[in-house]
Structures are given as C-alpha cells and as structure tokens.
C-alpha atoms as a PDB file:
ATOM      1  CA  MET A   1     -23.043  33.926 -21.516  1.00  0.00           C
ATOM      2  CA  ILE A   2     -20.702  34.694 -18.634  1.00  0.00           C
ATOM      3  CA  VAL A   3     -21.775  33.721 -15.115  1.00  0.00           C
ATOM      4  CA  TYR A   4     -19.851  34.854 -12.045  1.00  0.00           C
ATOM      5  CA  ALA A   5     -20.228  32.941  -8.779  1.00  0.00           C
ATOM      6  CA  GLU A   6     -18.595  33.177  -5.376  1.00  0.00           C
ATOM      7  CA  THR A   7     -17.979  31.360  -2.105  1.00  0.00           C
ATOM      8  CA  ASN A   8     -21.549  30.446  -1.175  1.00  0.00           C
ATOM      9  CA  PHE A   9     -22.079  28.821  -4.584  1.00  0.00           C
ATOM     10  CA  LEU A  10     -19.288  26.374  -3.748  1.00  0.00           C
ATOM     11  CA  LEU A  11     -20.553  25.794  -0.208  1.00  0.00           C
ATOM     12  CA  GLU A  12     -24.085  25.164  -1.459  1.00  0.00           C
ATOM     13  CA  LEU A  13     -22.720  22.322  -3.603  1.00  0.00           C
ATOM     14  CA  ALA A  14     -20.359  21.013  -0.921  1.00  0.00           C
ATOM     15  CA  TYR A  15     -22.948  20.800   1.857  1.00  0.00           C
ATOM     16  CA  LEU A  16     -25.965  19.923  -0.327  1.00  0.00           C
ATOM     17  CA  GLN A  17     -27.894  22.909   1.029  1.00  0.00           C
ATOM     18  CA  GLU A  18     -31.404  24.000   0.051  1.00  0.00           C
ATOM     19  CA  ARG A  19     -30.599  25.267  -3.447  1.00  0.00           C
ATOM     20  CA  CYS A  20     -27.793  22.858  -4.321  1.00  0.00           C
ATOM     21  CA  GLU A  21     -29.807  21.439  -7.238  1.00  0.00           C
ATOM     22  CA  ARG A  22     -30.018  24.885  -8.843  1.00  0.00           C
ATOM     23  CA  CYS A  23     -26.276  25.332  -8.367  1.00  0.00           C
ATOM     24  CA  GLY A  24     -25.761  21.901  -9.883  1.00  0.00           C
ATOM     25  CA  GLU A  25     -27.748  22.995 -12.928  1.00  0.00           C
ATOM     26  CA  ILE A  26     -25.496  26.033 -13.348  1.00  0.00           C
ATOM     27  CA  LEU A  27     -22.380  23.880 -12.966  1.00  0.00           C
ATOM     28  CA  ALA A  28     -23.742  21.433 -15.564  1.00  0.00           C
ATOM     29  CA  LEU A  29     -24.215  24.309 -18.035  1.00  0.00           C
ATOM     30  CA  CYS A  30     -20.546  25.124 -17.506  1.00  0.00           C
ATOM     31  CA  GLN A  31     -19.547  21.512 -18.207  1.00  0.00           C
ATOM     32  CA  SER A  32     -21.576  21.510 -21.420  1.00  0.00           C
ATOM     33  CA  ASN A  33     -19.955  24.804 -22.500  1.00  0.00           C
ATOM     34  CA  HIS A  34     -23.290  26.651 -22.591  1.00  0.00           C
ATOM     35  CA  ILE A  35     -21.965  29.243 -20.134  1.00  0.00           C
ATOM     36  CA  SER A  36     -18.571  30.504 -19.033  1.00  0.00           C
ATOM     37  CA  LEU A  37     -18.526  30.102 -15.249  1.00  0.00           C
ATOM     38  CA  ILE A  38     -15.988  32.301 -13.460  1.00  0.00           C
ATOM     39  CA  VAL A  39     -15.173  32.155  -9.745  1.00  0.00           C
ATOM     40  CA  PRO A  40     -12.641  34.436  -7.989  1.00  0.00           C
ATOM     41  CA  ALA A  41      -9.582  32.620  -6.639  1.00  0.00           C
ATOM     42  CA  PHE A  42     -10.305  34.313  -3.303  1.00  0.00           C
ATOM     43  CA  SER A  43     -13.640  32.456  -3.130  1.00  0.00           C
ATOM     44  CA  ILE A  44     -11.881  29.118  -3.647  1.00  0.00           C
ATOM     45  CA  SER A  45      -9.623  29.858  -0.684  1.00  0.00           C
ATOM     46  CA  GLU A  46     -12.508  31.161   1.411  1.00  0.00           C
ATOM     47  CA  ALA A  47     -14.665  28.083   0.753  1.00  0.00           C
ATOM     48  CA  ARG A  48     -11.835  25.802   1.856  1.00  0.00           C
ATOM     49  CA  ARG A  49     -11.319  27.917   4.975  1.00  0.00           C
ATOM     50  CA  VAL A  50     -15.046  27.663   5.819  1.00  0.00           C
ATOM     51  CA  TRP A  51     -14.924  23.890   5.367  1.00  0.00           C
ATOM     52  CA  ASP A  52     -11.906  23.654   7.687  1.00  0.00           C
ATOM     53  CA  HIS A  53     -13.632  25.811  10.322  1.00  0.00           C
ATOM     54  CA  ARG A  54     -16.819  23.742  10.166  1.00  0.00           C
ATOM     55  CA  LEU A  55     -14.802  20.532  10.399  1.00  0.00           C
ATOM     56  CA  SER A  56     -13.061  21.799  13.530  1.00  0.00           C
ATOM     57  CA  GLU A  57     -16.417  22.686  15.088  1.00  0.00           C
ATOM     58  CA  ARG A  58     -17.835  19.278  14.150  1.00  0.00           C
ATOM     59  CA  ASN A  59     -14.820  17.436  15.556  1.00  0.00           C
ATOM     60  CA  MET A  60     -15.123  19.359  18.815  1.00  0.00           C
ATOM     61  CA  PHE A  61     -18.827  18.505  19.028  1.00  0.00           C
ATOM     62  CA  GLN A  62     -18.060  14.862  18.248  1.00  0.00           C
ATOM     63  CA  GLN A  63     -15.501  14.645  21.033  1.00  0.00           C
ATOM     64  CA  GLN A  64     -17.926  16.218  23.506  1.00  0.00           C
ATOM     65  CA  LEU A  65     -20.653  13.829  22.369  1.00  0.00           C
ATOM     66  CA  ILE A  66     -18.399  10.791  22.807  1.00  0.00           C
ATOM     67  CA  ARG A  67     -17.502  11.904  26.337  1.00  0.00           C
ATOM     68  CA  LEU A  68     -21.178  12.404  27.167  1.00  0.00           C
ATOM     69  CA  ILE A  69     -22.106   8.986  25.774  1.00  0.00           C
ATOM     70  CA  ARG A  70     -19.393   7.332  27.848  1.00  0.00           C
ATOM     71  CA  GLU A  71     -20.611   9.123  30.949  1.00  0.00           C
ATOM     72  CA  LEU A  72     -24.213   8.152  30.318  1.00  0.00           C
ATOM     73  CA  ALA A  73     -23.204   4.552  29.597  1.00  0.00           C
ATOM     74  CA  ARG A  74     -22.033   4.197  33.181  1.00  0.00           C
ATOM     75  CA  SER A  75     -25.708   4.231  34.110  1.00  0.00           C
ATOM     76  CA  GLN A  76     -27.547   0.909  33.726  1.00  0.00           C
ATOM     77  CA  PRO A  77     -30.384   2.228  31.498  1.00  0.00           C
ATOM     78  CA  PHE A  78     -27.850   3.573  28.967  1.00  0.00           C
ATOM     79  CA  LYS A  79     -25.272   0.769  28.847  1.00  0.00           C
ATOM     80  CA  ALA A  80     -26.110   0.045  25.205  1.00  0.00           C
ATOM     81  CA  LEU A  81     -25.684   3.693  24.159  1.00  0.00           C
ATOM     82  CA  PRO A  82     -22.064   3.401  22.891  1.00  0.00           C
ATOM     83  CA  GLU A  83     -23.141   0.646  20.515  1.00  0.00           C
ATOM     84  CA  THR A  84     -26.367   2.271  19.339  1.00  0.00           C
ATOM     85  CA  SER A  85     -24.677   5.611  18.737  1.00  0.00           C
ATOM     86  CA  LYS A  86     -21.912   4.223  16.496  1.00  0.00           C
ATOM     87  CA  ASP A  87     -23.799   5.119  13.313  1.00  0.00           C
ATOM     88  CA  LEU A  88     -24.252   8.707  14.477  1.00  0.00           C
ATOM     89  CA  ILE A  89     -20.563   9.093  15.290  1.00  0.00           C
ATOM     90  CA  ALA A  90     -19.583   7.568  11.945  1.00  0.00           C
ATOM     91  CA  ALA A  91     -21.994   9.898  10.110  1.00  0.00           C
ATOM     92  CA  LEU A  92     -20.447  12.960  11.760  1.00  0.00           C
ATOM     93  CA  THR A  93     -17.019  11.881  10.532  1.00  0.00           C
ATOM     94  CA  ALA A  94     -18.149  10.931   7.040  1.00  0.00           C
ATOM     95  CA  SER A  95     -20.199  14.082   6.460  1.00  0.00           C
ATOM     96  CA  GLY A  96     -17.141  16.313   6.749  1.00  0.00           C
ATOM     97  CA  GLU A  97     -15.148  14.147   4.365  1.00  0.00           C
ATOM     98  CA  ASP A  98     -18.019  13.969   1.871  1.00  0.00           C
ATOM     99  CA  ALA A  99     -18.422  17.761   1.922  1.00  0.00           C
ATOM    100  CA  ARG A 100     -14.705  18.215   1.163  1.00  0.00           C
ATOM    101  CA  ASP A 101     -14.940  15.757  -1.728  1.00  0.00           C
ATOM    102  CA  ARG A 102     -17.902  17.623  -3.227  1.00  0.00           C
ATOM    103  CA  LEU A 103     -16.163  20.971  -2.744  1.00  0.00           C
ATOM    104  CA  GLU A 104     -13.007  19.824  -4.514  1.00  0.00           C
ATOM    105  CA  GLN A 105     -15.034  18.232  -7.296  1.00  0.00           C
ATOM    106  CA  ALA A 106     -16.841  21.531  -7.916  1.00  0.00           C
ATOM    107  CA  ILE A 107     -13.551  23.458  -7.892  1.00  0.00           C
ATOM    108  CA  SER A 108     -12.014  20.962 -10.308  1.00  0.00           C
ATOM    109  CA  THR A 109     -14.989  21.270 -12.676  1.00  0.00           C
ATOM    110  CA  ILE A 110     -14.765  25.067 -12.665  1.00  0.00           C
ATOM    111  CA  ALA A 111     -11.001  24.978 -13.248  1.00  0.00           C
ATOM    112  CA  ARG A 112     -11.435  22.575 -16.181  1.00  0.00           C
ATOM    113  CA  PHE A 113     -14.516  23.938 -17.908  1.00  0.00           C
ATOM    114  CA  GLY A 114     -14.791  27.483 -16.545  1.00  0.00           C
ATOM    115  CA  SER A 115     -12.221  29.855 -15.114  1.00  0.00           C
ATOM    116  CA  ILE A 116     -10.755  30.860 -11.759  1.00  0.00           C
ATOM    117  CA  GLN A 117     -10.122  34.610 -11.679  1.00  0.00           C
ATOM    118  CA  PRO A 118      -6.687  35.413 -10.137  1.00  0.00           C
ATOM    119  CA  LEU A 119      -6.458  37.960  -7.340  1.00  0.00           C
ATOM    120  CA  SER A 120      -4.098  40.814  -8.179  1.00  0.00           C
ATOM    121  CA  ASP A 121      -2.548  43.609  -6.146  1.00  0.00           C
ATOM    122  CA  ARG A 122      -4.791  46.033  -8.030  1.00  0.00           C
ATOM    123  CA  ASP A 123      -7.886  44.067  -6.975  1.00  0.00           C
ATOM    124  CA  LEU A 124      -6.836  44.194  -3.318  1.00  0.00           C
ATOM    125  CA  ALA A 125      -6.338  47.938  -3.549  1.00  0.00           C
ATOM    126  CA  GLY A 126      -9.646  48.407  -5.349  1.00  0.00           C
ATOM    127  CA  ALA A 127     -11.454  46.314  -2.760  1.00  0.00           C
ATOM    128  CA  ILE A 128     -10.765  48.924  -0.089  1.00  0.00           C
ATOM    129  CA  GLY A 129     -12.641  51.543  -2.079  1.00  0.00           C
ATOM    130  CA  LEU A 130     -15.534  49.168  -2.822  1.00  0.00           C
ATOM    131  CA  GLU A 131     -15.759  48.227   0.855  1.00  0.00           C
ATOM    132  CA  LYS A 132     -16.304  51.875   1.793  1.00  0.00           C
ATOM    133  CA  LYS A 133     -18.473  52.741  -1.198  1.00  0.00           C
ATOM    134  CA  PHE A 134     -20.985  49.913  -0.745  1.00  0.00           C
ATOM    135  CA  SER A 135     -20.569  49.142   2.985  1.00  0.00           C
ATOM    136  CA  LEU A 136     -19.274  45.667   2.198  1.00  0.00           C
ATOM    137  CA  SER A 137     -17.373  43.261   4.397  1.00  0.00           C
ATOM    138  CA  PRO A 138     -13.681  42.992   3.451  1.00  0.00           C
ATOM    139  CA  SER A 139     -14.203  39.541   1.916  1.00  0.00           C
ATOM    140  CA  ASP A 140     -17.255  40.602  -0.126  1.00  0.00           C
ATOM    141  CA  ALA A 141     -15.329  43.651  -1.349  1.00  0.00           C
ATOM    142  CA  ILE A 142     -12.484  41.432  -2.587  1.00  0.00           C
ATOM    143  CA  VAL A 143     -14.966  39.198  -4.418  1.00  0.00           C
ATOM    144  CA  LEU A 144     -16.600  42.191  -6.080  1.00  0.00           C
ATOM    145  CA  ALA A 145     -13.232  43.686  -7.032  1.00  0.00           C
ATOM    146  CA  SER A 146     -12.193  40.411  -8.675  1.00  0.00           C
ATOM    147  CA  ILE A 147     -15.414  40.203 -10.649  1.00  0.00           C
ATOM    148  CA  MET A 148     -15.190  43.823 -11.769  1.00  0.00           C
ATOM    149  CA  ALA A 149     -11.588  43.279 -12.885  1.00  0.00           C
ATOM    150  CA  HIS A 150     -12.789  40.534 -15.221  1.00  0.00           C
ATOM    151  CA  LEU A 151     -15.802  42.542 -16.413  1.00  0.00           C
ATOM    152  CA  VAL A 152     -13.566  45.359 -17.621  1.00  0.00           C
ATOM    153  CA  SER A 153     -12.021  43.130 -20.287  1.00  0.00           C
ATOM    154  CA  ALA A 154     -14.946  40.743 -20.880  1.00  0.00           C
ATOM    155  CA  ALA A 155     -16.516  40.486 -24.315  1.00  0.00           C
ATOM    156  CA  PRO A 156     -19.900  42.167 -24.906  1.00  0.00           C
ATOM    157  CA  GLY A 157     -22.958  40.049 -24.177  1.00  0.00           C
ATOM    158  CA  PRO A 158     -25.184  38.901 -21.302  1.00  0.00           C
ATOM    159  CA  LYS A 159     -23.551  38.316 -17.943  1.00  0.00           C
ATOM    160  CA  CYS A 160     -24.770  37.738 -14.410  1.00  0.00           C
ATOM    161  CA  PHE A 161     -23.334  37.537 -10.923  1.00  0.00           C
ATOM    162  CA  VAL A 162     -25.048  34.865  -8.833  1.00  0.00           C
ATOM    163  CA  SER A 163     -24.882  34.727  -5.053  1.00  0.00           C
ATOM    164  CA  GLN A 164     -26.992  33.843  -2.031  1.00  0.00           C
ATOM    165  CA  ASP A 165     -25.556  36.735  -0.041  1.00  0.00           C
ATOM    166  CA  ALA A 166     -28.419  39.225  -0.121  1.00  0.00           C
ATOM    167  CA  LYS A 167     -26.972  41.081   2.851  1.00  0.00           C
ATOM    168  CA  GLY A 168     -23.792  41.806   0.939  1.00  0.00           C
ATOM    169  CA  PHE A 169     -24.851  42.115  -2.687  1.00  0.00           C
ATOM    170  CA  ALA A 170     -28.554  43.084  -2.750  1.00  0.00           C
ATOM    171  CA  ASN A 171     -27.420  46.668  -3.020  1.00  0.00           C
ATOM    172  CA  PRO A 172     -28.896  48.960  -5.717  1.00  0.00           C
ATOM    173  CA  GLY A 173     -25.540  50.689  -6.076  1.00  0.00           C
ATOM    174  CA  ILE A 174     -23.798  47.394  -6.847  1.00  0.00           C
ATOM    175  CA  HIS A 175     -26.579  46.430  -9.253  1.00  0.00           C
ATOM    176  CA  ASP A 176     -26.186  49.721 -11.102  1.00  0.00           C
ATOM    177  CA  GLU A 177     -22.397  49.421 -11.150  1.00  0.00           C
ATOM    178  CA  LEU A 178     -22.451  45.960 -12.726  1.00  0.00           C
ATOM    179  CA  ALA A 179     -25.322  46.825 -15.053  1.00  0.00           C
ATOM    180  CA  GLY A 180     -22.887  49.156 -16.792  1.00  0.00           C
ATOM    181  CA  PHE A 181     -21.026  46.007 -17.862  1.00  0.00           C
ATOM    182  CA  GLU A 182     -24.218  44.202 -18.999  1.00  0.00           C
ATOM    183  CA  CYS A 183     -24.068  42.144 -15.797  1.00  0.00           C
ATOM    184  CA  LYS A 184     -27.192  41.389 -13.779  1.00  0.00           C
ATOM    185  CA  VAL A 185     -26.920  40.669 -10.037  1.00  0.00           C
ATOM    186  CA  LEU A 186     -29.075  37.823  -8.662  1.00  0.00           C
ATOM    187  CA  VAL A 187     -29.002  36.997  -4.951  1.00  0.00           C
ATOM    188  CA  ASN A 188     -31.023  33.788  -5.093  1.00  0.00           C
ATOM    189  CA  PHE A 189     -29.743  30.640  -6.782  1.00  0.00           C
ATOM    190  CA  THR A 190     -33.213  29.562  -7.878  1.00  0.00           C
ATOM    191  CA  ASP A 191     -33.805  32.908  -9.568  1.00  0.00           C
ATOM    192  CA  ALA A 192     -30.311  32.757 -11.058  1.00  0.00           C
ATOM    193  CA  ALA A 193     -30.825  29.317 -12.599  1.00  0.00           C
ATOM    194  CA  GLY A 194     -34.133  30.488 -14.083  1.00  0.00           C
ATOM    195  CA  TYR A 195     -32.599  33.666 -15.485  1.00  0.00           C
ATOM    196  CA  ILE A 196     -29.655  31.833 -17.023  1.00  0.00           C
ATOM    197  CA  GLY A 197     -31.962  29.264 -18.590  1.00  0.00           C
ATOM    198  CA  SER A 198     -34.292  31.855 -20.073  1.00  0.00           C
ATOM    199  CA  THR A 199     -31.368  33.908 -21.416  1.00  0.00           C
ATOM    200  CA  LEU A 200     -29.875  30.857 -23.115  1.00  0.00           C
ATOM    201  CA  ARG A 201     -33.229  29.874 -24.629  1.00  0.00           C
ATOM    202  CA  ALA A 202     -33.705  33.412 -25.966  1.00  0.00           C
ATOM    203  CA  ALA A 203     -30.279  33.097 -27.591  1.00  0.00           C
ATOM    204  CA  GLY A 204     -31.273  29.792 -29.166  1.00  0.00           C
ATOM    205  CA  HIS A 205     -29.196  27.489 -26.934  1.00  0.00           C
END
C-alpha cells in the first residue's frame, strides 16, 4: 500500500501535536515495510522553514519575557522571579531543539524506509494549473502536483493521501482526481491511521 503524506504530517510528529500518535503509527508501518510512505521533497523543505519561523518567534518571545522578568525583579515582591523562572526559560529553549530533533528523525526514517518525491520543473508548471483548478494555495498546489507525478507511474493497488489540511484538500474535485489513481484522500490523521490499518488487514497483513 502506498501512503502519501505532506508537511503537516511532519510537523505533527515534530511538535507532538494532538494526533502525533496516529502519525507515529503510520511512520512505524513504513519502518516495518507494511506501507510505502512517500513525502514530497517540497514538504521536507516547508516543514524545516516552519520550524525555523516558529523558533524565531519563540526566541523573540523569550527575549521579551526575560526583559519583563528583569523589570519585575526590581520590585521587592518579585526579587526571586529570575530564579523561579529559570525552568520556564530553559523549557522554551529546549522545546525548539527537541522539535527539530524529532523533525529530522522523521525525515531520516522516511528517507531510509520510504521515499522522498523530487520536485521537477514539470511539477512546478503543473502546480500553477492545479492552483487555479482547485483554488489551492501555491504551496498546496506544489504538494498535490508532486503526489500526482508519482501516482502516474505508481503500481496498481490501494493508495491514500493523508493530511490534516481540510481547508486545502477536503475538495471533492481533488478527491475525484486522485480516485482515478486508486488513491483515497483523508484529511484527518486518526481516520487515515484507521483506514490504513483496515486496508492492510483486508489484504492479510
């Protein structure tokens, strides 16, 4: 079974968000060779860019917080604040580093056991048409173009595209387009994990 995932799959794992366990289950199926997990190279780059942006925001907040703590500590009732807030400041720093480690671990697992779909000139050109056809954002259009490029040459059999981006991909037109390649679109990671599991069980895995 082929499973396509995109940027928010990686971010779910990196930041341990609400459905990270379901994403972990899908990644584990890739490691055990029960599924072929494919992620567009564009999504790898985009996930790293999102991490960098969030880190910059967090660092800015941390600096503002440190300045505020120092200001408050000038007042007698808050003199102990710099000491008592050390754990919070350390957690802000560590959380960004931990998220990057988890992101790179997920990317490494996909590169080793699954596949990273290269972005070609043809995909970039095709993305423009998909953007207009399905009212997609430029980045979502590139993701869809990459996935469709792989679907064209993929072997027959069950496939699914998993995402948490309902705004972008919960589009009947996209669902119909991918259905022509035996590919189901699922815009909820919990539903996706359940669908993948039931499909594998039906196939005797």
